[in-house]
Amino acid sequence: MIQKNKKDSIQIGVIAGLLLPLVGLLVFSLTVIGKFDTYTEMIQHFQLYNVWYKILSLSLMPGTGLFFLWSKSGKTNQARGVLLMTLFYGVFVIMLYLS
């Protein structure tokens, strides 16, 4: 009989899936900000060249890694939550790409 982990909840996965892309976006912007004088200039540069969808799609990578880590360790509900939020962000990226 398979015992379920008491801490394996979908809410933890959803919260992690919401926060990890934002952390990924923050890390990316902190590494790129050195090339610009201000944060506003960096945002204007990204808007000018229409690369927001590329940046946001790269920020989804940590969530994907966490999904595979949790699915391998048997925390399937948490993995489902991360996958759900990754798909949510993915739809947003597709909408940015098509606009």
PDB file of N, CA and C in Angstrom:
ATOM      1  N   MET A   1       0.833  -1.180   0.000  1.00  0.00           N
ATOM      2  CA  MET A   1       0.000   0.000   0.000  1.00  0.00           C
ATOM      3  C   MET A   1       0.882   1.250   0.000  1.00  0.00           C
ATOM      4  N   ILE A   2       0.544   2.201  -0.823  1.00  0.00           N
ATOM      5  CA  ILE A   2       1.317   3.437  -0.951  1.00  0.00           C
ATOM      6  C   ILE A   2       0.845   4.434   0.102  1.00  0.00           C
ATOM      7  N   GLN A   3       1.797   4.934   0.873  1.00  0.00           N
ATOM      8  CA  GLN A   3       1.452   5.953   1.863  1.00  0.00           C
ATOM      9  C   GLN A   3       1.633   7.323   1.249  1.00  0.00           C
ATOM     10  N   LYS A   4       0.672   8.204   1.518  1.00  0.00           N
ATOM     11  CA  LYS A   4       0.740   9.550   0.975  1.00  0.00           C
ATOM     12  C   LYS A   4       1.480  10.460   1.931  1.00  0.00           C
ATOM     13  N   ASN A   5       2.220  11.374   1.361  1.00  0.00           N
ATOM     14  CA  ASN A   5       2.932  12.367   2.143  1.00  0.00           C
ATOM     15  C   ASN A   5       1.933  13.401   2.635  1.00  0.00           C
ATOM     16  N   LYS A   6       1.931  13.690   3.930  1.00  0.00           N
ATOM     17  CA  LYS A   6       0.971  14.645   4.484  1.00  0.00           C
ATOM     18  C   LYS A   6       1.217  16.061   3.990  1.00  0.00           C
ATOM     19  N   LYS A   7       2.435  16.373   3.629  1.00  0.00           N
ATOM     20  CA  LYS A   7       2.763  17.716   3.153  1.00  0.00           C
ATOM     21  C   LYS A   7       2.616  17.855   1.639  1.00  0.00           C
ATOM     22  N   ASP A   8       2.134  16.830   0.993  1.00  0.00           N
ATOM     23  CA  ASP A   8       1.964  16.853  -0.461  1.00  0.00           C
ATOM     24  C   ASP A   8       0.612  17.466  -0.809  1.00  0.00           C
ATOM     25  N   SER A   9       0.577  18.782  -0.951  1.00  0.00           N
ATOM     26  CA  SER A   9      -0.682  19.444  -1.280  1.00  0.00           C
ATOM     27  C   SER A   9      -0.516  20.273  -2.551  1.00  0.00           C
ATOM     28  N   ILE A  10      -1.596  20.403  -3.263  1.00  0.00           N
ATOM     29  CA  ILE A  10      -1.569  21.137  -4.526  1.00  0.00           C
ATOM     30  C   ILE A  10      -1.361  22.633  -4.291  1.00  0.00           C
ATOM     31  N   GLN A  11      -1.764  23.135  -3.121  1.00  0.00           N
ATOM     32  CA  GLN A  11      -1.609  24.563  -2.820  1.00  0.00           C
ATOM     33  C   GLN A  11      -0.137  24.966  -2.756  1.00  0.00           C
ATOM     34  N   ILE A  12       0.689  24.098  -2.201  1.00  0.00           N
ATOM     35  CA  ILE A  12       2.131  24.397  -2.149  1.00  0.00           C
ATOM     36  C   ILE A  12       2.688  24.488  -3.570  1.00  0.00           C
ATOM     37  N   GLY A  13       2.266  23.586  -4.431  1.00  0.00           N
ATOM     38  CA  GLY A  13       2.713  23.614  -5.819  1.00  0.00           C
ATOM     39  C   GLY A  13       2.237  24.846  -6.561  1.00  0.00           C
ATOM     40  N   VAL A  14       0.997  25.266  -6.305  1.00  0.00           N
ATOM     41  CA  VAL A  14       0.466  26.457  -6.968  1.00  0.00           C
ATOM     42  C   VAL A  14       1.231  27.701  -6.516  1.00  0.00           C
ATOM     43  N   ILE A  15       1.492  27.807  -5.222  1.00  0.00           N
ATOM     44  CA  ILE A  15       2.232  28.971  -4.717  1.00  0.00           C
ATOM     45  C   ILE A  15       3.649  28.994  -5.285  1.00  0.00           C
ATOM     46  N   ALA A  16       4.295  27.832  -5.289  1.00  0.00           N
ATOM     47  CA  ALA A  16       5.650  27.763  -5.859  1.00  0.00           C
ATOM     48  C   ALA A  16       5.617  28.056  -7.356  1.00  0.00           C
ATOM     49  N   GLY A  17       4.587  27.566  -8.038  1.00  0.00           N
ATOM     50  CA  GLY A  17       4.457  27.819  -9.472  1.00  0.00           C
ATOM     51  C   GLY A  17       4.179  29.270  -9.794  1.00  0.00           C
ATOM     52  N   LEU A  18       3.548  29.986  -8.870  1.00  0.00           N
ATOM     53  CA  LEU A  18       3.320  31.420  -9.062  1.00  0.00           C
ATOM     54  C   LEU A  18       4.586  32.232  -8.796  1.00  0.00           C
ATOM     55  N   LEU A  19       5.348  31.832  -7.787  1.00  0.00           N
ATOM     56  CA  LEU A  19       6.494  32.639  -7.371  1.00  0.00           C
ATOM     57  C   LEU A  19       7.771  32.378  -8.162  1.00  0.00           C
ATOM     58  N   LEU A  20       8.002  31.143  -8.575  1.00  0.00           N
ATOM     59  CA  LEU A  20       9.259  30.827  -9.263  1.00  0.00           C
ATOM     60  C   LEU A  20       9.468  31.590 -10.571  1.00  0.00           C
ATOM     61  N   PRO A  21       8.464  31.743 -11.428  1.00  0.00           N
ATOM     62  CA  PRO A  21       8.696  32.562 -12.624  1.00  0.00           C
ATOM     63  C   PRO A  21       8.997  34.021 -12.287  1.00  0.00           C
ATOM     64  N   LEU A  22       8.395  34.534 -11.229  1.00  0.00           N
ATOM     65  CA  LEU A  22       8.693  35.903 -10.824  1.00  0.00           C
ATOM     66  C   LEU A  22      10.131  36.029 -10.315  1.00  0.00           C
ATOM     67  N   VAL A  23      10.576  35.019  -9.580  1.00  0.00           N
ATOM     68  CA  VAL A  23      11.969  35.006  -9.123  1.00  0.00           C
ATOM     69  C   VAL A  23      12.910  34.878 -10.315  1.00  0.00           C
ATOM     70  N   GLY A  24      12.555  34.027 -11.270  1.00  0.00           N
ATOM     71  CA  GLY A  24      13.362  33.890 -12.485  1.00  0.00           C
ATOM     72  C   GLY A  24      13.446  35.183 -13.267  1.00  0.00           C
ATOM     73  N   LEU A  25      12.330  35.893 -13.341  1.00  0.00           N
ATOM     74  CA  LEU A  25      12.302  37.189 -14.024  1.00  0.00           C
ATOM     75  C   LEU A  25      13.156  38.213 -13.281  1.00  0.00           C
ATOM     76  N   LEU A  26      13.102  38.185 -11.961  1.00  0.00           N
ATOM     77  CA  LEU A  26      13.917  39.097 -11.152  1.00  0.00           C
ATOM     78  C   LEU A  26      15.402  38.811 -11.325  1.00  0.00           C
ATOM     79  N   VAL A  27      15.778  37.549 -11.311  1.00  0.00           N
ATOM     80  CA  VAL A  27      17.193  37.183 -11.491  1.00  0.00           C
ATOM     81  C   VAL A  27      17.673  37.608 -12.874  1.00  0.00           C
ATOM     82  N   PHE A  28      16.845  37.388 -13.891  1.00  0.00           N
ATOM     83  CA  PHE A  28      17.216  37.811 -15.243  1.00  0.00           C
ATOM     84  C   PHE A  28      17.398  39.322 -15.317  1.00  0.00           C
ATOM     85  N   SER A  29      16.453  40.065 -14.733  1.00  0.00           N
ATOM     86  CA  SER A  29      16.555  41.526 -14.810  1.00  0.00           C
ATOM     87  C   SER A  29      17.748  42.047 -14.022  1.00  0.00           C
ATOM     88  N   LEU A  30      18.104  41.380 -12.925  1.00  0.00           N
ATOM     89  CA  LEU A  30      19.282  41.814 -12.164  1.00  0.00           C
ATOM     90  C   LEU A  30      20.577  41.537 -12.908  1.00  0.00           C
ATOM     91  N   THR A  31      20.596  40.503 -13.731  1.00  0.00           N
ATOM     92  CA  THR A  31      21.809  40.227 -14.506  1.00  0.00           C
ATOM     93  C   THR A  31      21.939  41.135 -15.716  1.00  0.00           C
ATOM     94  N   VAL A  32      20.826  41.631 -16.237  1.00  0.00           N
ATOM     95  CA  VAL A  32      20.845  42.449 -17.449  1.00  0.00           C
ATOM     96  C   VAL A  32      20.903  43.944 -17.123  1.00  0.00           C
ATOM     97  N   ILE A  33      20.505  44.337 -15.928  1.00  0.00           N
ATOM     98  CA  ILE A  33      20.382  45.760 -15.590  1.00  0.00           C
ATOM     99  C   ILE A  33      21.723  46.488 -15.698  1.00  0.00           C
ATOM    100  N   GLY A  34      22.827  45.789 -15.632  1.00  0.00           N
ATOM    101  CA  GLY A  34      24.136  46.428 -15.743  1.00  0.00           C
ATOM    102  C   GLY A  34      24.371  47.091 -17.092  1.00  0.00           C
ATOM    103  N   LYS A  35      23.657  46.661 -18.109  1.00  0.00           N
ATOM    104  CA  LYS A  35      23.818  47.224 -19.444  1.00  0.00           C
ATOM    105  C   LYS A  35      23.008  48.496 -19.648  1.00  0.00           C
ATOM    106  N   PHE A  36      22.140  48.821 -18.697  1.00  0.00           N
ATOM    107  CA  PHE A  36      21.259  49.988 -18.809  1.00  0.00           C
ATOM    108  C   PHE A  36      21.493  50.912 -17.624  1.00  0.00           C
ATOM    109  N   ASP A  37      21.128  52.173 -17.803  1.00  0.00           N
ATOM    110  CA  ASP A  37      21.302  53.147 -16.728  1.00  0.00           C
ATOM    111  C   ASP A  37      20.221  53.009 -15.658  1.00  0.00           C
ATOM    112  N   THR A  38      18.999  52.795 -16.080  1.00  0.00           N
ATOM    113  CA  THR A  38      17.898  52.678 -15.131  1.00  0.00           C
ATOM    114  C   THR A  38      17.041  51.463 -15.457  1.00  0.00           C
ATOM    115  N   TYR A  39      16.221  51.097 -14.508  1.00  0.00           N
ATOM    116  CA  TYR A  39      15.295  49.988 -14.693  1.00  0.00           C
ATOM    117  C   TYR A  39      14.258  50.337 -15.759  1.00  0.00           C
ATOM    118  N   THR A  40      13.823  51.587 -15.772  1.00  0.00           N
ATOM    119  CA  THR A  40      12.845  52.043 -16.762  1.00  0.00           C
ATOM    120  C   THR A  40      13.403  51.949 -18.170  1.00  0.00           C
ATOM    121  N   GLU A  41      14.668  52.286 -18.331  1.00  0.00           N
ATOM    122  CA  GLU A  41      15.318  52.187 -19.649  1.00  0.00           C
ATOM    123  C   GLU A  41      15.365  50.738 -20.121  1.00  0.00           C
ATOM    124  N   MET A  42      15.597  49.817 -19.195  1.00  0.00           N
ATOM    125  CA  MET A  42      15.624  48.408 -19.546  1.00  0.00           C
ATOM    126  C   MET A  42      14.241  47.939 -20.011  1.00  0.00           C
ATOM    127  N   ILE A  43      13.197  48.333 -19.308  1.00  0.00           N
ATOM    128  CA  ILE A  43      11.833  47.956 -19.682  1.00  0.00           C
ATOM    129  C   ILE A  43      11.471  48.536 -21.051  1.00  0.00           C
ATOM    130  N   GLN A  44      11.848  49.784 -21.296  1.00  0.00           N
ATOM    131  CA  GLN A  44      11.575  50.414 -22.594  1.00  0.00           C
ATOM    132  C   GLN A  44      12.317  49.693 -23.722  1.00  0.00           C
ATOM    133  N   HIS A  45      13.532  49.252 -23.435  1.00  0.00           N
ATOM    134  CA  HIS A  45      14.318  48.505 -24.429  1.00  0.00           C
ATOM    135  C   HIS A  45      13.622  47.189 -24.776  1.00  0.00           C
ATOM    136  N   PHE A  46      13.125  46.478 -23.760  1.00  0.00           N
ATOM    137  CA  PHE A  46      12.430  45.216 -24.001  1.00  0.00           C
ATOM    138  C   PHE A  46      11.137  45.443 -24.776  1.00  0.00           C
ATOM    139  N   GLN A  47      10.447  46.536 -24.505  1.00  0.00           N
ATOM    140  CA  GLN A  47       9.215  46.840 -25.232  1.00  0.00           C
ATOM    141  C   GLN A  47       9.518  47.245 -26.669  1.00  0.00           C
ATOM    142  N   LEU A  48      10.597  47.982 -26.868  1.00  0.00           N
ATOM    143  CA  LEU A  48      10.959  48.437 -28.205  1.00  0.00           C
ATOM    144  C   LEU A  48      11.249  47.252 -29.125  1.00  0.00           C
ATOM    145  N   TYR A  49      11.981  46.284 -28.626  1.00  0.00           N
ATOM    146  CA  TYR A  49      12.348  45.132 -29.443  1.00  0.00           C
ATOM    147  C   TYR A  49      11.374  43.960 -29.314  1.00  0.00           C
ATOM    148  N   ASN A  50      10.299  44.144 -28.550  1.00  0.00           N
ATOM    149  CA  ASN A  50       9.238  43.147 -28.388  1.00  0.00           C
ATOM    150  C   ASN A  50       9.794  41.774 -27.997  1.00  0.00           C
ATOM    151  N   VAL A  51      10.518  41.717 -26.892  1.00  0.00           N
ATOM    152  CA  VAL A  51      11.116  40.466 -26.427  1.00  0.00           C
ATOM    153  C   VAL A  51      10.547  40.000 -25.094  1.00  0.00           C
ATOM    154  N   TRP A  52       9.433  40.584 -24.665  1.00  0.00           N
ATOM    155  CA  TRP A  52       8.853  40.193 -23.381  1.00  0.00           C
ATOM    156  C   TRP A  52       8.479  38.723 -23.352  1.00  0.00           C
ATOM    157  N   TYR A  53       7.927  38.214 -24.427  1.00  0.00           N
ATOM    158  CA  TYR A  53       7.507  36.809 -24.427  1.00  0.00           C
ATOM    159  C   TYR A  53       8.709  35.874 -24.323  1.00  0.00           C
ATOM    160  N   LYS A  54       9.838  36.274 -24.875  1.00  0.00           N
ATOM    161  CA  LYS A  54      11.037  35.446 -24.766  1.00  0.00           C
ATOM    162  C   LYS A  54      11.570  35.432 -23.339  1.00  0.00           C
ATOM    163  N   ILE A  55      11.555  36.581 -22.707  1.00  0.00           N
ATOM    164  CA  ILE A  55      12.041  36.685 -21.334  1.00  0.00           C
ATOM    165  C   ILE A  55      11.132  35.918 -20.385  1.00  0.00           C
ATOM    166  N   LEU A  56       9.831  36.058 -20.565  1.00  0.00           N
ATOM    167  CA  LEU A  56       8.891  35.349 -19.694  1.00  0.00           C
ATOM    168  C   LEU A  56       8.954  33.838 -19.909  1.00  0.00           C
ATOM    169  N   SER A  57       9.171  33.407 -21.131  1.00  0.00           N
ATOM    170  CA  SER A  57       9.282  31.965 -21.363  1.00  0.00           C
ATOM    171  C   SER A  57      10.553  31.402 -20.722  1.00  0.00           C
ATOM    172  N   LEU A  58      11.616  32.174 -20.682  1.00  0.00           N
ATOM    173  CA  LEU A  58      12.826  31.722 -19.983  1.00  0.00           C
ATOM    174  C   LEU A  58      12.618  31.672 -18.478  1.00  0.00           C
ATOM    175  N   SER A  59      11.779  32.554 -17.963  1.00  0.00           N
ATOM    176  CA  SER A  59      11.547  32.561 -16.524  1.00  0.00           C
ATOM    177  C   SER A  59      10.702  31.372 -16.066  1.00  0.00           C
ATOM    178  N   LEU A  60      10.129  30.614 -16.987  1.00  0.00           N
ATOM    179  CA  LEU A  60       9.360  29.429 -16.629  1.00  0.00           C
ATOM    180  C   LEU A  60      10.232  28.209 -16.360  1.00  0.00           C
ATOM    181  N   MET A  61      11.499  28.269 -16.700  1.00  0.00           N
ATOM    182  CA  MET A  61      12.380  27.115 -16.539  1.00  0.00           C
ATOM    183  C   MET A  61      12.524  26.630 -15.090  1.00  0.00           C
ATOM    184  N   PRO A  62      12.681  27.506 -14.090  1.00  0.00           N
ATOM    185  CA  PRO A  62      12.787  26.980 -12.714  1.00  0.00           C
ATOM    186  C   PRO A  62      11.553  26.191 -12.282  1.00  0.00           C
ATOM    187  N   GLY A  63      10.374  26.602 -12.699  1.00  0.00           N
ATOM    188  CA  GLY A  63       9.159  25.871 -12.368  1.00  0.00           C
ATOM    189  C   GLY A  63       9.136  24.497 -12.998  1.00  0.00           C
ATOM    190  N   THR A  64       9.638  24.403 -14.205  1.00  0.00           N
ATOM    191  CA  THR A  64       9.701  23.115 -14.887  1.00  0.00           C
ATOM    192  C   THR A  64      10.663  22.174 -14.172  1.00  0.00           C
ATOM    193  N   GLY A  65      11.784  22.719 -13.735  1.00  0.00           N
ATOM    194  CA  GLY A  65      12.734  21.908 -12.970  1.00  0.00           C
ATOM    195  C   GLY A  65      12.142  21.417 -11.663  1.00  0.00           C
ATOM    196  N   LEU A  66      11.403  22.287 -10.988  1.00  0.00           N
ATOM    197  CA  LEU A  66      10.754  21.899  -9.735  1.00  0.00           C
ATOM    198  C   LEU A  66       9.683  20.847  -9.981  1.00  0.00           C
ATOM    199  N   PHE A  67       8.977  20.945 -11.087  1.00  0.00           N
ATOM    200  CA  PHE A  67       7.986  19.924 -11.444  1.00  0.00           C
ATOM    201  C   PHE A  67       8.644  18.553 -11.547  1.00  0.00           C
ATOM    202  N   PHE A  68       9.753  18.462 -12.266  1.00  0.00           N
ATOM    203  CA  PHE A  68      10.424  17.170 -12.423  1.00  0.00           C
ATOM    204  C   PHE A  68      11.006  16.673 -11.105  1.00  0.00           C
ATOM    205  N   LEU A  69      11.514  17.567 -10.284  1.00  0.00           N
ATOM    206  CA  LEU A  69      12.054  17.182  -8.976  1.00  0.00           C
ATOM    207  C   LEU A  69      10.957  16.599  -8.087  1.00  0.00           C
ATOM    208  N   TRP A  70       9.821  17.283  -8.018  1.00  0.00           N
ATOM    209  CA  TRP A  70       8.731  16.796  -7.176  1.00  0.00           C
ATOM    210  C   TRP A  70       8.077  15.544  -7.746  1.00  0.00           C
ATOM    211  N   SER A  71       8.008  15.409  -9.052  1.00  0.00           N
ATOM    212  CA  SER A  71       7.398  14.208  -9.612  1.00  0.00           C
ATOM    213  C   SER A  71       8.289  12.986  -9.380  1.00  0.00           C
ATOM    214  N   LYS A  72       9.599  13.171  -9.409  1.00  0.00           N
ATOM    215  CA  LYS A  72      10.515  12.063  -9.133  1.00  0.00           C
ATOM    216  C   LYS A  72      10.511  11.668  -7.660  1.00  0.00           C
ATOM    217  N   SER A  73      10.270  12.650  -6.770  1.00  0.00           N
ATOM    218  CA  SER A  73      10.303  12.353  -5.340  1.00  0.00           C
ATOM    219  C   SER A  73       8.943  11.908  -4.805  1.00  0.00           C
ATOM    220  N   GLY A  74       7.938  11.762  -5.659  1.00  0.00           N
ATOM    221  CA  GLY A  74       6.655  11.237  -5.243  1.00  0.00           C
ATOM    222  C   GLY A  74       5.666  12.276  -4.746  1.00  0.00           C
ATOM    223  N   LYS A  75       5.980  13.532  -4.867  1.00  0.00           N
ATOM    224  CA  LYS A  75       5.063  14.597  -4.450  1.00  0.00           C
ATOM    225  C   LYS A  75       4.236  15.029  -5.660  1.00  0.00           C
ATOM    226  N   THR A  76       3.321  14.165  -6.040  1.00  0.00           N
ATOM    227  CA  THR A  76       2.592  14.377  -7.287  1.00  0.00           C
ATOM    228  C   THR A  76       1.631  15.556  -7.225  1.00  0.00           C
ATOM    229  N   ASN A  77       1.024  15.800  -6.073  1.00  0.00           N
ATOM    230  CA  ASN A  77       0.100  16.932  -5.990  1.00  0.00           C
ATOM    231  C   ASN A  77       0.835  18.258  -6.114  1.00  0.00           C
ATOM    232  N   GLN A  78       1.991  18.369  -5.485  1.00  0.00           N
ATOM    233  CA  GLN A  78       2.784  19.589  -5.621  1.00  0.00           C
ATOM    234  C   GLN A  78       3.258  19.755  -7.052  1.00  0.00           C
ATOM    235  N   ALA A  79       3.629  18.662  -7.679  1.00  0.00           N
ATOM    236  CA  ALA A  79       4.060  18.724  -9.081  1.00  0.00           C
ATOM    237  C   ALA A  79       2.903  19.164  -9.974  1.00  0.00           C
ATOM    238  N   ARG A  80       1.696  18.718  -9.660  1.00  0.00           N
ATOM    239  CA  ARG A  80       0.531  19.138 -10.442  1.00  0.00           C
ATOM    240  C   ARG A  80       0.271  20.629 -10.293  1.00  0.00           C
ATOM    241  N   GLY A  81       0.449  21.151  -9.086  1.00  0.00           N
ATOM    242  CA  GLY A  81       0.256  22.584  -8.867  1.00  0.00           C
ATOM    243  C   GLY A  81       1.247  23.422  -9.653  1.00  0.00           C
ATOM    244  N   VAL A  82       2.509  23.000  -9.652  1.00  0.00           N
ATOM    245  CA  VAL A  82       3.533  23.727 -10.417  1.00  0.00           C
ATOM    246  C   VAL A  82       3.238  23.634 -11.903  1.00  0.00           C
ATOM    247  N   LEU A  83       2.827  22.471 -12.372  1.00  0.00           N
ATOM    248  CA  LEU A  83       2.503  22.302 -13.783  1.00  0.00           C
ATOM    249  C   LEU A  83       1.317  23.179 -14.173  1.00  0.00           C
ATOM    250  N   LEU A  84       0.324  23.258 -13.313  1.00  0.00           N
ATOM    251  CA  LEU A  84      -0.841  24.100 -13.576  1.00  0.00           C
ATOM    252  C   LEU A  84      -0.438  25.562 -13.740  1.00  0.00           C
ATOM    253  N   MET A  85       0.389  26.071 -12.862  1.00  0.00           N
ATOM    254  CA  MET A  85       0.808  27.468 -12.939  1.00  0.00           C
ATOM    255  C   MET A  85       1.752  27.698 -14.117  1.00  0.00           C
ATOM    256  N   THR A  86       2.581  26.722 -14.442  1.00  0.00           N
ATOM    257  CA  THR A  86       3.458  26.848 -15.607  1.00  0.00           C
ATOM    258  C   THR A  86       2.629  26.928 -16.886  1.00  0.00           C
ATOM    259  N   LEU A  87       1.584  26.129 -16.964  1.00  0.00           N
ATOM    260  CA  LEU A  87       0.692  26.199 -18.129  1.00  0.00           C
ATOM    261  C   LEU A  87      -0.050  27.536 -18.180  1.00  0.00           C
ATOM    262  N   PHE A  88      -0.433  28.047 -17.010  1.00  0.00           N
ATOM    263  CA  PHE A  88      -1.098  29.349 -16.943  1.00  0.00           C
ATOM    264  C   PHE A  88      -0.177  30.440 -17.483  1.00  0.00           C
ATOM    265  N   TYR A  89       1.077  30.460 -17.006  1.00  0.00           N
ATOM    266  CA  TYR A  89       2.047  31.429 -17.513  1.00  0.00           C
ATOM    267  C   TYR A  89       2.327  31.197 -18.996  1.00  0.00           C
ATOM    268  N   GLY A  90       2.342  29.930 -19.412  1.00  0.00           N
ATOM    269  CA  GLY A  90       2.580  29.620 -20.825  1.00  0.00           C
ATOM    270  C   GLY A  90       1.511  30.188 -21.732  1.00  0.00           C
ATOM    271  N   VAL A  91       0.254  30.140 -21.309  1.00  0.00           N
ATOM    272  CA  VAL A  91      -0.832  30.738 -22.086  1.00  0.00           C
ATOM    273  C   VAL A  91      -0.629  32.245 -22.174  1.00  0.00           C
ATOM    274  N   PHE A  92      -0.191  32.855 -21.077  1.00  0.00           N
ATOM    275  CA  PHE A  92       0.085  34.294 -21.075  1.00  0.00           C
ATOM    276  C   PHE A  92       1.216  34.630 -22.048  1.00  0.00           C
ATOM    277  N   VAL A  93       2.244  33.805 -22.091  1.00  0.00           N
ATOM    278  CA  VAL A  93       3.364  34.019 -23.022  1.00  0.00           C
ATOM    279  C   VAL A  93       2.889  33.893 -24.464  1.00  0.00           C
ATOM    280  N   ILE A  94       2.032  32.927 -24.747  1.00  0.00           N
ATOM    281  CA  ILE A  94       1.505  32.777 -26.098  1.00  0.00           C
ATOM    282  C   ILE A  94       0.661  33.993 -26.487  1.00  0.00           C
ATOM    283  N   MET A  95      -0.110  34.510 -25.547  1.00  0.00           N
ATOM    284  CA  MET A  95      -0.904  35.698 -25.826  1.00  0.00           C
ATOM    285  C   MET A  95      -0.006  36.901 -26.121  1.00  0.00           C
ATOM    286  N   LEU A  96       1.105  37.031 -25.392  1.00  0.00           N
ATOM    287  CA  LEU A  96       2.059  38.107 -25.680  1.00  0.00           C
ATOM    288  C   LEU A  96       2.698  37.934 -27.061  1.00  0.00           C
ATOM    289  N   TYR A  97       3.004  36.691 -27.397  1.00  0.00           N
ATOM    290  CA  TYR A  97       3.638  36.429 -28.687  1.00  0.00           C
ATOM    291  C   TYR A  97       2.705  36.763 -29.851  1.00  0.00           C
ATOM    292  N   LEU A  98       1.428  36.448 -29.710  1.00  0.00           N
ATOM    293  CA  LEU A  98       0.482  36.672 -30.783  1.00  0.00           C
ATOM    294  C   LEU A  98       0.018  38.119 -30.901  1.00  0.00           C
ATOM    295  N   SER A  99       0.246  38.910 -29.853  1.00  0.00           N
ATOM    296  CA  SER A  99      -0.208  40.315 -29.927  1.00  0.00           C
ATOM    297  C   SER A  99       0.814  41.217 -30.572  1.00  0.00           C
TER     298      SER A  99
END
